[in-house]
Amino acid sequence: MNAYKKEVRFTIGMTAAFILVGNMGLIFSIFPVDAMLFGFPVMYIIPILMGWFGVFFLTIVAGKIGNKIDDEIERENELLNSIPEPAPIGTPDPVAPVITASKKVGGV
Protein backbone atom coordinates (compact mmCIF):
# COMPACT_ATOMS: atom_id res chain seq x y z
CA MET A 1 0.00 0.00 0.00
CA ASN A 2 2.97 2.31 0.47
CA ALA A 3 3.60 2.43 -3.29
CA TYR A 4 0.00 3.45 -3.94
CA LYS A 5 0.36 6.35 -1.50
CA LYS A 6 3.59 7.35 -3.22
CA GLU A 7 1.81 7.27 -6.58
CA VAL A 8 -0.99 9.52 -5.34
CA ARG A 9 1.48 12.05 -3.92
CA PHE A 10 3.52 11.96 -7.12
CA THR A 11 0.41 12.48 -9.26
CA ILE A 12 -0.73 15.47 -7.21
CA GLY A 13 2.77 17.00 -7.31
CA MET A 14 3.19 16.51 -11.05
CA THR A 15 -0.28 17.93 -11.70
CA ALA A 16 0.65 21.07 -9.76
CA ALA A 17 3.98 21.31 -11.65
CA PHE A 18 2.25 20.92 -15.04
CA ILE A 19 -0.31 23.59 -14.16
CA LEU A 20 2.40 25.98 -12.97
CA VAL A 21 4.66 25.45 -15.98
CA GLY A 22 1.84 25.43 -18.50
CA ASN A 23 0.31 28.65 -17.19
CA MET A 24 3.51 30.66 -16.80
CA GLY A 25 2.13 33.26 -19.25
CA LEU A 26 -0.77 33.96 -16.89
CA ILE A 27 1.68 34.54 -14.03
CA PHE A 28 3.63 37.07 -16.15
CA SER A 29 0.40 38.84 -17.14
CA ILE A 30 -0.46 39.25 -13.45
CA PHE A 31 3.08 40.42 -12.53
CA PRO A 32 4.55 42.16 -15.61
CA VAL A 33 8.34 42.46 -15.94
CA ASP A 34 10.37 44.78 -18.20
CA ALA A 35 13.52 42.64 -18.48
CA MET A 36 15.12 41.08 -21.56
CA LEU A 37 16.37 37.50 -22.08
CA PHE A 38 18.10 36.38 -25.30
CA GLY A 39 16.96 39.63 -26.89
CA PHE A 40 13.29 38.97 -26.13
CA PRO A 41 11.10 40.46 -23.40
CA VAL A 42 11.05 38.08 -20.41
CA MET A 43 7.28 38.16 -20.18
CA TYR A 44 7.10 36.57 -23.66
CA ILE A 45 10.10 34.25 -23.89
CA ILE A 46 9.80 32.59 -20.45
CA PRO A 47 6.19 31.40 -21.01
CA ILE A 48 7.13 30.07 -24.44
CA LEU A 49 10.21 28.24 -23.14
CA MET A 50 8.44 26.93 -20.07
CA GLY A 51 5.39 25.94 -22.08
CA TRP A 52 7.32 24.01 -24.73
CA PHE A 53 10.47 22.78 -23.07
CA GLY A 54 9.22 22.81 -19.48
CA VAL A 55 6.25 20.58 -20.24
CA PHE A 56 8.48 18.35 -22.42
CA PHE A 57 10.99 17.97 -19.56
CA LEU A 58 8.22 17.31 -17.00
CA THR A 59 6.71 14.67 -19.29
CA ILE A 60 10.03 12.81 -19.47
CA VAL A 61 10.52 13.02 -15.70
CA ALA A 62 6.94 11.93 -15.01
CA GLY A 63 7.34 8.95 -17.34
CA LYS A 64 10.57 7.73 -15.73
CA ILE A 65 9.43 8.18 -12.14
CA GLY A 66 5.96 6.84 -12.93
CA ASN A 67 7.46 3.65 -14.40
CA LYS A 68 9.55 3.14 -11.25
CA ILE A 69 6.48 3.57 -9.06
CA ASP A 70 4.51 1.13 -11.25
CA ASP A 71 7.29 -1.45 -10.88
CA GLU A 72 7.20 -0.96 -7.12
CA ILE A 73 3.41 -1.44 -7.09
CA GLU A 74 3.81 -4.62 -9.12
CA ARG A 75 6.43 -5.96 -6.68
CA GLU A 76 4.14 -5.18 -3.72
CA ASN A 77 1.22 -6.96 -5.40
CA GLU A 78 3.35 -10.04 -6.16
CA LEU A 79 4.53 -10.10 -2.55
CA LEU A 80 0.97 -9.86 -1.24
CA ASN A 81 -0.24 -12.59 -3.61
CA SER A 82 2.56 -14.96 -2.60
CA ILE A 83 1.52 -14.97 1.07
CA PRO A 84 -0.94 -17.84 1.65
CA GLU A 85 -4.21 -17.00 3.34
CA PRO A 86 -4.90 -18.70 6.66
CA ALA A 87 -7.47 -21.48 6.66
CA PRO A 88 -10.85 -20.70 8.21
CA ILE A 89 -11.36 -21.75 11.81
CA GLY A 90 -12.57 -25.32 12.16
CA THR A 91 -11.00 -26.74 9.00
CA PRO A 92 -8.42 -29.46 9.46
CA ASP A 93 -4.81 -28.53 8.90
CA PRO A 94 -3.57 -30.46 5.84
CA VAL A 95 0.01 -30.39 7.13
CA ALA A 96 -0.72 -31.77 10.60
CA PRO A 97 -0.20 -35.53 11.04
CA VAL A 98 -3.31 -37.61 11.23
CA ILE A 99 -3.40 -39.82 14.33
CA THR A 100 -5.97 -42.58 14.44
CA ALA A 101 -6.71 -44.82 17.33
CA SER A 102 -8.40 -48.17 17.10
CA LYS A 103 -10.83 -49.17 19.79
CA LYS A 104 -12.23 -52.50 20.70
CA VAL A 105 -15.92 -52.34 21.06
CA GLY A 106 -17.73 -54.84 23.19
CA GLY A 107 -15.83 -57.48 25.05
CA VAL A 108 -15.04 -59.62 22.10
C-alpha atoms as a PDB file:
ATOM      1  CA  MET A   1       0.000   0.000   0.000  1.00  0.00           C
ATOM      2  CA  ASN A   2       2.972   2.310   0.468  1.00  0.00           C
ATOM      3  CA  ALA A   3       3.604   2.434  -3.286  1.00  0.00           C
ATOM      4  CA  TYR A   4       0.001   3.453  -3.939  1.00  0.00           C
ATOM      5  CA  LYS A   5       0.362   6.353  -1.496  1.00  0.00           C
ATOM      6  CA  LYS A   6       3.586   7.348  -3.216  1.00  0.00           C
ATOM      7  CA  GLU A   7       1.812   7.273  -6.585  1.00  0.00           C
ATOM      8  CA  VAL A   8      -0.991   9.517  -5.338  1.00  0.00           C
ATOM      9  CA  ARG A   9       1.484  12.054  -3.915  1.00  0.00           C
ATOM     10  CA  PHE A  10       3.518  11.955  -7.124  1.00  0.00           C
ATOM     11  CA  THR A  11       0.407  12.477  -9.263  1.00  0.00           C
ATOM     12  CA  ILE A  12      -0.725  15.465  -7.208  1.00  0.00           C
ATOM     13  CA  GLY A  13       2.766  17.000  -7.305  1.00  0.00           C
ATOM     14  CA  MET A  14       3.186  16.509 -11.053  1.00  0.00           C
ATOM     15  CA  THR A  15      -0.281  17.931 -11.696  1.00  0.00           C
ATOM     16  CA  ALA A  16       0.651  21.072  -9.764  1.00  0.00           C
ATOM     17  CA  ALA A  17       3.977  21.313 -11.650  1.00  0.00           C
ATOM     18  CA  PHE A  18       2.253  20.923 -15.044  1.00  0.00           C
ATOM     19  CA  ILE A  19      -0.313  23.590 -14.156  1.00  0.00           C
ATOM     20  CA  LEU A  20       2.395  25.983 -12.972  1.00  0.00           C
ATOM     21  CA  VAL A  21       4.657  25.451 -15.980  1.00  0.00           C
ATOM     22  CA  GLY A  22       1.839  25.433 -18.503  1.00  0.00           C
ATOM     23  CA  ASN A  23       0.313  28.654 -17.186  1.00  0.00           C
ATOM     24  CA  MET A  24       3.511  30.661 -16.805  1.00  0.00           C
ATOM     25  CA  GLY A  25       2.128  33.258 -19.246  1.00  0.00           C
ATOM     26  CA  LEU A  26      -0.766  33.956 -16.885  1.00  0.00           C
ATOM     27  CA  ILE A  27       1.682  34.545 -14.033  1.00  0.00           C
ATOM     28  CA  PHE A  28       3.627  37.073 -16.151  1.00  0.00           C
ATOM     29  CA  SER A  29       0.405  38.842 -17.136  1.00  0.00           C
ATOM     30  CA  ILE A  30      -0.455  39.254 -13.451  1.00  0.00           C
ATOM     31  CA  PHE A  31       3.077  40.423 -12.532  1.00  0.00           C
ATOM     32  CA  PRO A  32       4.546  42.161 -15.610  1.00  0.00           C
ATOM     33  CA  VAL A  33       8.337  42.458 -15.939  1.00  0.00           C
ATOM     34  CA  ASP A  34      10.366  44.782 -18.203  1.00  0.00           C
ATOM     35  CA  ALA A  35      13.518  42.641 -18.481  1.00  0.00           C
ATOM     36  CA  MET A  36      15.118  41.079 -21.556  1.00  0.00           C
ATOM     37  CA  LEU A  37      16.370  37.505 -22.084  1.00  0.00           C
ATOM     38  CA  PHE A  38      18.102  36.378 -25.302  1.00  0.00           C
ATOM     39  CA  GLY A  39      16.957  39.630 -26.892  1.00  0.00           C
ATOM     40  CA  PHE A  40      13.288  38.969 -26.134  1.00  0.00           C
ATOM     41  CA  PRO A  41      11.098  40.455 -23.404  1.00  0.00           C
ATOM     42  CA  VAL A  42      11.045  38.081 -20.412  1.00  0.00           C
ATOM     43  CA  MET A  43       7.277  38.160 -20.182  1.00  0.00           C
ATOM     44  CA  TYR A  44       7.102  36.566 -23.665  1.00  0.00           C
ATOM     45  CA  ILE A  45      10.103  34.247 -23.892  1.00  0.00           C
ATOM     46  CA  ILE A  46       9.805  32.588 -20.449  1.00  0.00           C
ATOM     47  CA  PRO A  47       6.194  31.399 -21.006  1.00  0.00           C
ATOM     48  CA  ILE A  48       7.134  30.067 -24.438  1.00  0.00           C
ATOM     49  CA  LEU A  49      10.211  28.237 -23.143  1.00  0.00           C
ATOM     50  CA  MET A  50       8.442  26.926 -20.067  1.00  0.00           C
ATOM     51  CA  GLY A  51       5.390  25.944 -22.085  1.00  0.00           C
ATOM     52  CA  TRP A  52       7.324  24.011 -24.730  1.00  0.00           C
ATOM     53  CA  PHE A  53      10.470  22.784 -23.067  1.00  0.00           C
ATOM     54  CA  GLY A  54       9.217  22.811 -19.483  1.00  0.00           C
ATOM     55  CA  VAL A  55       6.253  20.579 -20.239  1.00  0.00           C
ATOM     56  CA  PHE A  56       8.476  18.351 -22.416  1.00  0.00           C
ATOM     57  CA  PHE A  57      10.985  17.972 -19.559  1.00  0.00           C
ATOM     58  CA  LEU A  58       8.217  17.312 -16.999  1.00  0.00           C
ATOM     59  CA  THR A  59       6.712  14.668 -19.285  1.00  0.00           C
ATOM     60  CA  ILE A  60      10.033  12.811 -19.473  1.00  0.00           C
ATOM     61  CA  VAL A  61      10.523  13.024 -15.696  1.00  0.00           C
ATOM     62  CA  ALA A  62       6.940  11.930 -15.007  1.00  0.00           C
ATOM     63  CA  GLY A  63       7.344   8.948 -17.339  1.00  0.00           C
ATOM     64  CA  LYS A  64      10.567   7.729 -15.731  1.00  0.00           C
ATOM     65  CA  ILE A  65       9.428   8.182 -12.139  1.00  0.00           C
ATOM     66  CA  GLY A  66       5.955   6.836 -12.933  1.00  0.00           C
ATOM     67  CA  ASN A  67       7.462   3.649 -14.397  1.00  0.00           C
ATOM     68  CA  LYS A  68       9.550   3.138 -11.252  1.00  0.00           C
ATOM     69  CA  ILE A  69       6.478   3.569  -9.060  1.00  0.00           C
ATOM     70  CA  ASP A  70       4.507   1.132 -11.252  1.00  0.00           C
ATOM     71  CA  ASP A  71       7.288  -1.455 -10.880  1.00  0.00           C
ATOM     72  CA  GLU A  72       7.202  -0.964  -7.121  1.00  0.00           C
ATOM     73  CA  ILE A  73       3.410  -1.440  -7.089  1.00  0.00           C
ATOM     74  CA  GLU A  74       3.806  -4.619  -9.123  1.00  0.00           C
ATOM     75  CA  ARG A  75       6.425  -5.961  -6.682  1.00  0.00           C
ATOM     76  CA  GLU A  76       4.140  -5.183  -3.718  1.00  0.00           C
ATOM     77  CA  ASN A  77       1.219  -6.960  -5.397  1.00  0.00           C
ATOM     78  CA  GLU A  78       3.350 -10.042  -6.157  1.00  0.00           C
ATOM     79  CA  LEU A  79       4.527 -10.099  -2.553  1.00  0.00           C
ATOM     80  CA  LEU A  80       0.972  -9.862  -1.238  1.00  0.00           C
ATOM     81  CA  ASN A  81      -0.242 -12.590  -3.611  1.00  0.00           C
ATOM     82  CA  SER A  82       2.557 -14.964  -2.602  1.00  0.00           C
ATOM     83  CA  ILE A  83       1.518 -14.968   1.073  1.00  0.00           C
ATOM     84  CA  PRO A  84      -0.944 -17.845   1.654  1.00  0.00           C
ATOM     85  CA  GLU A  85      -4.208 -16.998   3.339  1.00  0.00           C
ATOM     86  CA  PRO A  86      -4.902 -18.700   6.660  1.00  0.00           C
ATOM     87  CA  ALA A  87      -7.470 -21.475   6.658  1.00  0.00           C
ATOM     88  CA  PRO A  88     -10.852 -20.699   8.211  1.00  0.00           C
ATOM     89  CA  ILE A  89     -11.362 -21.749  11.812  1.00  0.00           C
ATOM     90  CA  GLY A  90     -12.575 -25.325  12.159  1.00  0.00           C
ATOM     91  CA  THR A  91     -11.002 -26.738   9.004  1.00  0.00           C
ATOM     92  CA  PRO A  92      -8.422 -29.465   9.463  1.00  0.00           C
ATOM     93  CA  ASP A  93      -4.811 -28.527   8.903  1.00  0.00           C
ATOM     94  CA  PRO A  94      -3.566 -30.455   5.835  1.00  0.00           C
ATOM     95  CA  VAL A  95       0.012 -30.393   7.125  1.00  0.00           C
ATOM     96  CA  ALA A  96      -0.722 -31.772  10.602  1.00  0.00           C
ATOM     97  CA  PRO A  97      -0.202 -35.531  11.039  1.00  0.00           C
ATOM     98  CA  VAL A  98      -3.311 -37.614  11.230  1.00  0.00           C
ATOM     99  CA  ILE A  99      -3.404 -39.822  14.333  1.00  0.00           C
ATOM    100  CA  THR A 100      -5.967 -42.583  14.440  1.00  0.00           C
ATOM    101  CA  ALA A 101      -6.708 -44.823  17.332  1.00  0.00           C
ATOM    102  CA  SER A 102      -8.404 -48.168  17.104  1.00  0.00           C
ATOM    103  CA  LYS A 103     -10.833 -49.167  19.791  1.00  0.00           C
ATOM    104  CA  LYS A 104     -12.232 -52.500  20.702  1.00  0.00           C
ATOM    105  CA  VAL A 105     -15.924 -52.338  21.058  1.00  0.00           C
ATOM    106  CA  GLY A 106     -17.728 -54.839  23.192  1.00  0.00           C
ATOM    107  CA  GLY A 107     -15.830 -57.479  25.047  1.00  0.00           C
ATOM    108  CA  VAL A 108     -15.044 -59.619  22.098  1.00  0.00           C
END
